[in-house]
Amino acid sequence: RVHNLQELRAGALRLESTPPKLGIDIAGTCNVKPPCVYCEWDVAKGREGDNVELPFNPTTLAEYGPYFENAFQLVNCSIGEPFMVRSIDALLDAFGARGKVLELTTNGQILTDVNIRKLLGRNAHLYVSLDSATPATYARLRNDTLPRILDNLERLIAAKGGPGSLPHVYLVFMPMRANVHEVDAFVELCARLRVDRLVLRPLNPSPGVDLKWDRGGYHYDYQN
């Protein structure tokens, strides 16, 4: 990490160091069907081609060599749900044994008691994408599972001992025309659940994204 910072400050054009933060692709599948209204699931998986079903496991980490060993923080960049990965236990053990900080993004729908126990005490930042504060708006963006997710979060936060304990739990809200009216209610929801952090993420402008969905009684157009 020191070597990397020194090279960056010196403006080196060719680095001998490896990145201190590594983006990894843990999950190739997702449990939300059809996908979230703003997710290019089909396009992304089409680009992966034959690699879409490749398993991610501790052997994968070994193949990364110094890129994995030297990174202090791992960021799950998957377009998928990490808790659908069969080897998630072994992966969490591998991350923890090497002192890595892990960032995971999940929809929270399968944060079962079993998965909650896997997370307790882990040096992980768990980003839970909600993008809403009410079941009605959540159904417009995904499906009708928000009450179950909130119950999962309450059990997780109680089990880990409240805010400040590991894993850190962050609730994510992506402001859009479909949900921006619920920002204040989302702040209140985060306070009630006693999460570690509220996170606002932008919807990325992308002229190439042509998503139009009819769901939850309204028409969603990504570009609008």
C-alpha atoms as a PDB file:
ATOM      1  CA  ARG A   1       0.000   0.000   0.000  1.00  0.00           C
ATOM      2  CA  VAL A   2       2.857   2.369   0.837  1.00  0.00           C
ATOM      3  CA  HIS A   3       4.662   1.523  -2.400  1.00  0.00           C
ATOM      4  CA  ASN A   4       1.474   2.075  -4.377  1.00  0.00           C
ATOM      5  CA  LEU A   5       0.891   5.496  -2.788  1.00  0.00           C
ATOM      6  CA  GLN A   6       4.488   6.519  -3.400  1.00  0.00           C
ATOM      7  CA  GLU A   7       4.239   5.586  -7.077  1.00  0.00           C
ATOM      8  CA  LEU A   8       0.972   7.464  -7.505  1.00  0.00           C
ATOM      9  CA  ARG A   9       2.344  10.601  -5.838  1.00  0.00           C
ATOM     10  CA  ALA A  10       5.427  10.404  -8.050  1.00  0.00           C
ATOM     11  CA  GLY A  11       3.233  10.208 -11.151  1.00  0.00           C
ATOM     12  CA  ALA A  12       4.713   6.882 -12.237  1.00  0.00           C
ATOM     13  CA  LEU A  13       3.415   5.749 -15.633  1.00  0.00           C
ATOM     14  CA  ARG A  14       4.304   2.091 -15.029  1.00  0.00           C
ATOM     15  CA  LEU A  15       3.537   0.699 -11.575  1.00  0.00           C
ATOM     16  CA  GLU A  16       5.504  -2.007  -9.832  1.00  0.00           C
ATOM     17  CA  SER A  17       2.950  -2.122  -7.002  1.00  0.00           C
ATOM     18  CA  THR A  18      -0.474  -3.757  -7.137  1.00  0.00           C
ATOM     19  CA  PRO A  19      -3.770  -1.956  -6.357  1.00  0.00           C
ATOM     20  CA  PRO A  20      -4.732  -1.715  -2.664  1.00  0.00           C
ATOM     21  CA  LYS A  21      -8.401  -2.124  -3.634  1.00  0.00           C
ATOM     22  CA  LEU A  22      -9.530  -4.986  -5.864  1.00  0.00           C
ATOM     23  CA  GLY A  23     -12.880  -5.323  -7.626  1.00  0.00           C
ATOM     24  CA  ILE A  24     -14.040  -8.939  -7.760  1.00  0.00           C
ATOM     25  CA  ASP A  25     -16.990 -10.650  -9.414  1.00  0.00           C
ATOM     26  CA  ILE A  26     -18.377 -13.102  -6.858  1.00  0.00           C
ATOM     27  CA  ALA A  27     -21.897 -13.779  -8.107  1.00  0.00           C
ATOM     28  CA  GLY A  28     -23.108 -14.728 -11.573  1.00  0.00           C
ATOM     29  CA  THR A  29     -26.764 -15.275 -10.682  1.00  0.00           C
ATOM     30  CA  CYS A  30     -29.518 -13.203  -9.075  1.00  0.00           C
ATOM     31  CA  ASN A  31     -32.714 -14.088  -7.235  1.00  0.00           C
ATOM     32  CA  VAL A  32     -34.751 -11.107  -8.503  1.00  0.00           C
ATOM     33  CA  LYS A  33     -36.761 -12.220 -11.546  1.00  0.00           C
ATOM     34  CA  PRO A  34     -37.573 -10.144 -13.530  1.00  0.00           C
ATOM     35  CA  PRO A  35     -34.572  -7.932 -12.665  1.00  0.00           C
ATOM     36  CA  CYS A  36     -34.770  -4.520 -11.017  1.00  0.00           C
ATOM     37  CA  VAL A  37     -36.190  -1.972 -13.433  1.00  0.00           C
ATOM     38  CA  TYR A  38     -32.863  -0.104 -13.752  1.00  0.00           C
ATOM     39  CA  CYS A  39     -30.677  -3.229 -14.162  1.00  0.00           C
ATOM     40  CA  GLU A  40     -29.336  -4.334 -17.537  1.00  0.00           C
ATOM     41  CA  TRP A  41     -29.245  -7.927 -16.363  1.00  0.00           C
ATOM     42  CA  ASP A  42     -29.839  -9.614 -19.724  1.00  0.00           C
ATOM     43  CA  VAL A  43     -27.316  -7.410 -21.560  1.00  0.00           C
ATOM     44  CA  ALA A  44     -24.628  -7.857 -18.890  1.00  0.00           C
ATOM     45  CA  LYS A  45     -25.029 -11.624 -18.771  1.00  0.00           C
ATOM     46  CA  GLY A  46     -25.019 -11.810 -22.559  1.00  0.00           C
ATOM     47  CA  ARG A  47     -21.638 -10.079 -22.612  1.00  0.00           C
ATOM     48  CA  GLU A  48     -20.230 -12.667 -20.215  1.00  0.00           C
ATOM     49  CA  GLY A  49     -21.043 -15.396 -22.721  1.00  0.00           C
ATOM     50  CA  ASP A  50     -19.779 -18.833 -21.739  1.00  0.00           C
ATOM     51  CA  ASN A  51     -18.129 -17.365 -18.644  1.00  0.00           C
ATOM     52  CA  VAL A  52     -21.446 -16.530 -16.975  1.00  0.00           C
ATOM     53  CA  GLU A  53     -21.574 -19.896 -15.190  1.00  0.00           C
ATOM     54  CA  LEU A  54     -17.928 -19.983 -14.071  1.00  0.00           C
ATOM     55  CA  PRO A  55     -17.791 -20.578 -10.297  1.00  0.00           C
ATOM     56  CA  PHE A  56     -16.041 -18.108  -8.013  1.00  0.00           C
ATOM     57  CA  ASN A  57     -14.222 -19.854  -5.168  1.00  0.00           C
ATOM     58  CA  PRO A  58     -10.955 -19.804  -3.157  1.00  0.00           C
ATOM     59  CA  THR A  59      -9.139 -21.254  -6.180  1.00  0.00           C
ATOM     60  CA  THR A  60     -10.134 -18.141  -8.120  1.00  0.00           C
ATOM     61  CA  LEU A  61      -8.525 -16.000  -5.435  1.00  0.00           C
ATOM     62  CA  ALA A  62      -5.306 -18.004  -5.640  1.00  0.00           C
ATOM     63  CA  GLU A  63      -5.197 -17.356  -9.387  1.00  0.00           C
ATOM     64  CA  TYR A  64      -5.218 -13.599  -8.693  1.00  0.00           C
ATOM     65  CA  GLY A  65      -1.846 -14.048  -6.981  1.00  0.00           C
ATOM     66  CA  PRO A  66      -0.358 -10.781  -5.638  1.00  0.00           C
ATOM     67  CA  TYR A  67      -3.412  -8.802  -6.783  1.00  0.00           C
ATOM     68  CA  PHE A  68      -5.440 -10.626  -4.136  1.00  0.00           C
ATOM     69  CA  GLU A  69      -2.740 -11.058  -1.504  1.00  0.00           C
ATOM     70  CA  ASN A  70      -1.660  -7.385  -1.551  1.00  0.00           C
ATOM     71  CA  ALA A  71      -5.139  -5.851  -1.639  1.00  0.00           C
ATOM     72  CA  PHE A  72      -6.488  -4.735   1.737  1.00  0.00           C
ATOM     73  CA  GLN A  73     -10.024  -4.097   0.433  1.00  0.00           C
ATOM     74  CA  LEU A  74     -12.148  -6.230  -1.880  1.00  0.00           C
ATOM     75  CA  VAL A  75     -15.209  -4.787  -3.605  1.00  0.00           C
ATOM     76  CA  ASN A  76     -17.830  -7.115  -5.005  1.00  0.00           C
ATOM     77  CA  CYS A  77     -18.634  -5.688  -8.455  1.00  0.00           C
ATOM     78  CA  SER A  78     -21.026  -8.479  -9.435  1.00  0.00           C
ATOM     79  CA  ILE A  79     -24.277  -8.006 -11.279  1.00  0.00           C
ATOM     80  CA  GLY A  80     -25.724 -10.730  -9.106  1.00  0.00           C
ATOM     81  CA  GLU A  81     -26.650 -11.724  -5.554  1.00  0.00           C
ATOM     82  CA  PRO A  82     -23.634 -12.853  -3.469  1.00  0.00           C
ATOM     83  CA  PHE A  83     -25.674 -14.983  -1.073  1.00  0.00           C
ATOM     84  CA  MET A  84     -26.641 -17.285  -3.937  1.00  0.00           C
ATOM     85  CA  VAL A  85     -22.991 -18.394  -4.230  1.00  0.00           C
ATOM     86  CA  ARG A  86     -22.550 -21.918  -2.885  1.00  0.00           C
ATOM     87  CA  SER A  87     -18.987 -21.297  -1.732  1.00  0.00           C
ATOM     88  CA  ILE A  88     -19.782 -18.071   0.143  1.00  0.00           C
ATOM     89  CA  ASP A  89     -18.693 -19.610   3.485  1.00  0.00           C
ATOM     90  CA  ALA A  90     -15.270 -20.570   2.148  1.00  0.00           C
ATOM     91  CA  LEU A  91     -14.881 -17.174   0.498  1.00  0.00           C
ATOM     92  CA  LEU A  92     -15.731 -15.293   3.689  1.00  0.00           C
ATOM     93  CA  ASP A  93     -13.220 -17.459   5.555  1.00  0.00           C
ATOM     94  CA  ALA A  94     -10.541 -16.752   2.940  1.00  0.00           C
ATOM     95  CA  PHE A  95     -11.164 -13.004   3.113  1.00  0.00           C
ATOM     96  CA  GLY A  96     -11.138 -12.974   6.910  1.00  0.00           C
ATOM     97  CA  ALA A  97      -8.054 -15.191   7.275  1.00  0.00           C
ATOM     98  CA  ARG A  98      -6.062 -12.719   5.215  1.00  0.00           C
ATOM     99  CA  GLY A  99      -7.397  -9.623   6.964  1.00  0.00           C
ATOM    100  CA  LYS A 100      -9.287  -8.259   3.961  1.00  0.00           C
ATOM    101  CA  VAL A 101     -12.065  -5.703   4.239  1.00  0.00           C
ATOM    102  CA  LEU A 102     -14.949  -6.882   2.067  1.00  0.00           C
ATOM    103  CA  GLU A 103     -17.634  -4.718   0.441  1.00  0.00           C
ATOM    104  CA  LEU A 104     -20.739  -6.680  -0.537  1.00  0.00           C
ATOM    105  CA  THR A 105     -23.855  -5.390  -2.271  1.00  0.00           C
ATOM    106  CA  THR A 106     -27.022  -7.400  -1.699  1.00  0.00           C
ATOM    107  CA  ASN A 107     -30.747  -6.966  -2.192  1.00  0.00           C
ATOM    108  CA  GLY A 108     -31.279  -8.401   1.301  1.00  0.00           C
ATOM    109  CA  GLN A 109     -34.060 -10.743   0.251  1.00  0.00           C
ATOM    110  CA  ILE A 110     -32.213 -13.900   1.326  1.00  0.00           C
ATOM    111  CA  LEU A 111     -30.556 -12.602   4.484  1.00  0.00           C
ATOM    112  CA  THR A 112     -31.773 -15.696   6.288  1.00  0.00           C
ATOM    113  CA  ASP A 113     -30.725 -16.619   9.822  1.00  0.00           C
ATOM    114  CA  VAL A 114     -28.096 -18.927   8.305  1.00  0.00           C
ATOM    115  CA  ASN A 115     -26.625 -16.123   6.188  1.00  0.00           C
ATOM    116  CA  ILE A 116     -26.805 -13.696   9.104  1.00  0.00           C
ATOM    117  CA  ARG A 117     -24.702 -16.080  11.210  1.00  0.00           C
ATOM    118  CA  LYS A 118     -22.141 -16.244   8.396  1.00  0.00           C
ATOM    119  CA  LEU A 119     -21.734 -12.458   8.527  1.00  0.00           C
ATOM    120  CA  LEU A 120     -21.475 -11.873  12.268  1.00  0.00           C
ATOM    121  CA  GLY A 121     -18.095 -10.514  13.297  1.00  0.00           C
ATOM    122  CA  ARG A 122     -16.856 -10.322   9.709  1.00  0.00           C
ATOM    123  CA  ASN A 123     -14.882  -7.270   8.638  1.00  0.00           C
ATOM    124  CA  ALA A 124     -17.455  -6.563   5.944  1.00  0.00           C
ATOM    125  CA  HIS A 125     -19.391  -3.546   4.693  1.00  0.00           C
ATOM    126  CA  LEU A 126     -22.808  -4.800   3.628  1.00  0.00           C
ATOM    127  CA  TYR A 127     -24.582  -2.487   1.179  1.00  0.00           C
ATOM    128  CA  VAL A 128     -28.300  -3.316   1.046  1.00  0.00           C
ATOM    129  CA  SER A 129     -30.055  -1.821  -1.987  1.00  0.00           C
ATOM    130  CA  LEU A 130     -33.561  -0.653  -1.080  1.00  0.00           C
ATOM    131  CA  ASP A 131     -34.177   2.521  -3.140  1.00  0.00           C
ATOM    132  CA  SER A 132     -37.489   2.992  -1.351  1.00  0.00           C
ATOM    133  CA  ALA A 133     -39.124   3.456   2.029  1.00  0.00           C
ATOM    134  CA  THR A 134     -42.502   1.834   1.344  1.00  0.00           C
ATOM    135  CA  PRO A 135     -43.641  -1.540  -0.047  1.00  0.00           C
ATOM    136  CA  ALA A 136     -45.542   0.190  -2.875  1.00  0.00           C
ATOM    137  CA  THR A 137     -42.479   1.965  -4.280  1.00  0.00           C
ATOM    138  CA  TYR A 138     -40.286  -1.087  -3.728  1.00  0.00           C
ATOM    139  CA  ALA A 139     -42.758  -3.154  -5.754  1.00  0.00           C
ATOM    140  CA  ARG A 140     -42.459  -0.679  -8.618  1.00  0.00           C
ATOM    141  CA  LEU A 141     -38.684  -1.180  -8.691  1.00  0.00           C
ATOM    142  CA  ARG A 142     -38.441  -4.890  -7.783  1.00  0.00           C
ATOM    143  CA  ASN A 143     -41.166  -6.984  -6.150  1.00  0.00           C
ATOM    144  CA  ASP A 144     -43.268  -7.356  -2.989  1.00  0.00           C
ATOM    145  CA  THR A 145     -40.568  -8.507  -0.547  1.00  0.00           C
ATOM    146  CA  LEU A 146     -39.758  -5.251   1.324  1.00  0.00           C
ATOM    147  CA  PRO A 147     -41.480  -6.291   4.595  1.00  0.00           C
ATOM    148  CA  ARG A 148     -39.408  -9.481   4.675  1.00  0.00           C
ATOM    149  CA  ILE A 149     -36.198  -7.536   3.946  1.00  0.00           C
ATOM    150  CA  LEU A 150     -36.853  -5.090   6.780  1.00  0.00           C
ATOM    151  CA  ASP A 151     -37.440  -8.028   9.117  1.00  0.00           C
ATOM    152  CA  ASN A 152     -34.133  -9.556   7.930  1.00  0.00           C
ATOM    153  CA  LEU A 153     -32.331  -6.275   8.619  1.00  0.00           C
ATOM    154  CA  GLU A 154     -33.810  -5.942  12.102  1.00  0.00           C
ATOM    155  CA  ARG A 155     -32.617  -9.455  12.977  1.00  0.00           C
ATOM    156  CA  LEU A 156     -29.158  -8.839  11.517  1.00  0.00           C
ATOM    157  CA  ILE A 157     -28.639  -5.529  13.330  1.00  0.00           C
ATOM    158  CA  ALA A 158     -29.866  -7.012  16.615  1.00  0.00           C
ATOM    159  CA  ALA A 159     -27.640 -10.084  16.204  1.00  0.00           C
ATOM    160  CA  LYS A 160     -24.514  -8.024  15.513  1.00  0.00           C
ATOM    161  CA  GLY A 161     -25.099  -5.808  18.538  1.00  0.00           C
ATOM    162  CA  GLY A 162     -26.328  -2.614  16.912  1.00  0.00           C
ATOM    163  CA  PRO A 163     -24.492   0.097  14.948  1.00  0.00           C
ATOM    164  CA  GLY A 164     -20.717   0.077  15.090  1.00  0.00           C
ATOM    165  CA  SER A 165     -20.396  -3.704  15.345  1.00  0.00           C
ATOM    166  CA  LEU A 166     -19.366  -5.955  12.472  1.00  0.00           C
ATOM    167  CA  PRO A 167     -20.526  -6.332   9.823  1.00  0.00           C
ATOM    168  CA  HIS A 168     -21.307  -2.692   9.058  1.00  0.00           C
ATOM    169  CA  VAL A 169     -24.735  -2.355   7.452  1.00  0.00           C
ATOM    170  CA  TYR A 170     -25.367   0.403   4.911  1.00  0.00           C
ATOM    171  CA  LEU A 171     -28.764   1.068   3.300  1.00  0.00           C
ATOM    172  CA  VAL A 172     -28.603   2.325  -0.280  1.00  0.00           C
ATOM    173  CA  PHE A 173     -31.012   4.709  -1.986  1.00  0.00           C
ATOM    174  CA  MET A 174     -30.693   5.595  -5.676  1.00  0.00           C
ATOM    175  CA  PRO A 175     -32.778   8.751  -6.276  1.00  0.00           C
ATOM    176  CA  MET A 176     -35.002   8.546  -9.362  1.00  0.00           C
ATOM    177  CA  ARG A 177     -38.225  10.171 -10.458  1.00  0.00           C
ATOM    178  CA  ALA A 178     -39.974   7.013  -9.280  1.00  0.00           C
ATOM    179  CA  ASN A 179     -38.811   7.293  -5.655  1.00  0.00           C
ATOM    180  CA  VAL A 180     -37.362  10.739  -4.915  1.00  0.00           C
ATOM    181  CA  HIS A 181     -40.504  11.659  -2.974  1.00  0.00           C
ATOM    182  CA  GLU A 182     -39.487   9.080  -0.333  1.00  0.00           C
ATOM    183  CA  VAL A 183     -36.031  10.439   0.509  1.00  0.00           C
ATOM    184  CA  ASP A 184     -37.131  11.892   3.858  1.00  0.00           C
ATOM    185  CA  ALA A 185     -38.963   8.690   4.766  1.00  0.00           C
ATOM    186  CA  PHE A 186     -35.849   6.701   3.849  1.00  0.00           C
ATOM    187  CA  VAL A 187     -33.750   8.785   6.251  1.00  0.00           C
ATOM    188  CA  GLU A 188     -36.295   8.048   8.982  1.00  0.00           C
ATOM    189  CA  LEU A 189     -36.239   4.332   8.088  1.00  0.00           C
ATOM    190  CA  CYS A 190     -32.443   4.216   8.414  1.00  0.00           C
ATOM    191  CA  ALA A 191     -32.662   5.911  11.806  1.00  0.00           C
ATOM    192  CA  ARG A 192     -35.329   3.486  13.012  1.00  0.00           C
ATOM    193  CA  LEU A 193     -33.347   0.431  11.919  1.00  0.00           C
ATOM    194  CA  ARG A 194     -30.128   1.873  13.455  1.00  0.00           C
ATOM    195  CA  VAL A 195     -27.993   1.118  10.409  1.00  0.00           C
ATOM    196  CA  ASP A 196     -24.370   2.203  10.281  1.00  0.00           C
ATOM    197  CA  ARG A 197     -24.708   4.462   7.261  1.00  0.00           C
ATOM    198  CA  LEU A 198     -27.163   5.817   4.699  1.00  0.00           C
ATOM    199  CA  VAL A 199     -25.745   5.766   1.170  1.00  0.00           C
ATOM    200  CA  LEU A 200     -26.979   7.735  -1.846  1.00  0.00           C
ATOM    201  CA  ARG A 201     -25.874   6.380  -5.215  1.00  0.00           C
ATOM    202  CA  PRO A 202     -26.495   8.029  -8.589  1.00  0.00           C
ATOM    203  CA  LEU A 203     -28.303   6.426 -11.480  1.00  0.00           C
ATOM    204  CA  ASN A 204     -25.590   6.439 -14.139  1.00  0.00           C
ATOM    205  CA  PRO A 205     -26.375   8.396 -17.316  1.00  0.00           C
ATOM    206  CA  SER A 206     -25.975   5.952 -20.189  1.00  0.00           C
ATOM    207  CA  PRO A 207     -27.414   6.654 -23.649  1.00  0.00           C
ATOM    208  CA  GLY A 208     -26.929   2.995 -24.523  1.00  0.00           C
ATOM    209  CA  VAL A 209     -29.334   1.770 -21.832  1.00  0.00           C
ATOM    210  CA  ASP A 210     -32.769   1.181 -23.337  1.00  0.00           C
ATOM    211  CA  LEU A 211     -34.823  -0.202 -20.469  1.00  0.00           C
ATOM    212  CA  LYS A 212     -38.590   0.173 -20.368  1.00  0.00           C
ATOM    213  CA  TRP A 213     -40.692  -1.777 -17.888  1.00  0.00           C
ATOM    214  CA  ASP A 214     -44.336  -1.930 -16.859  1.00  0.00           C
ATOM    215  CA  ARG A 215     -44.403  -2.894 -13.200  1.00  0.00           C
ATOM    216  CA  GLY A 216     -46.262  -2.020 -10.024  1.00  0.00           C
ATOM    217  CA  GLY A 217     -48.913  -0.097 -11.920  1.00  0.00           C
ATOM    218  CA  TYR A 218     -46.621   2.318 -13.725  1.00  0.00           C
ATOM    219  CA  HIS A 219     -44.286   2.583 -16.728  1.00  0.00           C
ATOM    220  CA  TYR A 220     -40.547   2.907 -16.007  1.00  0.00           C
ATOM    221  CA  ASP A 221     -38.259   4.430 -18.649  1.00  0.00           C
ATOM    222  CA  TYR A 222     -34.566   4.421 -17.691  1.00  0.00           C
ATOM    223  CA  GLN A 223     -33.701   7.435 -19.844  1.00  0.00           C
ATOM    224  CA  ASN A 224     -36.420   9.556 -18.203  1.00  0.00           C
END
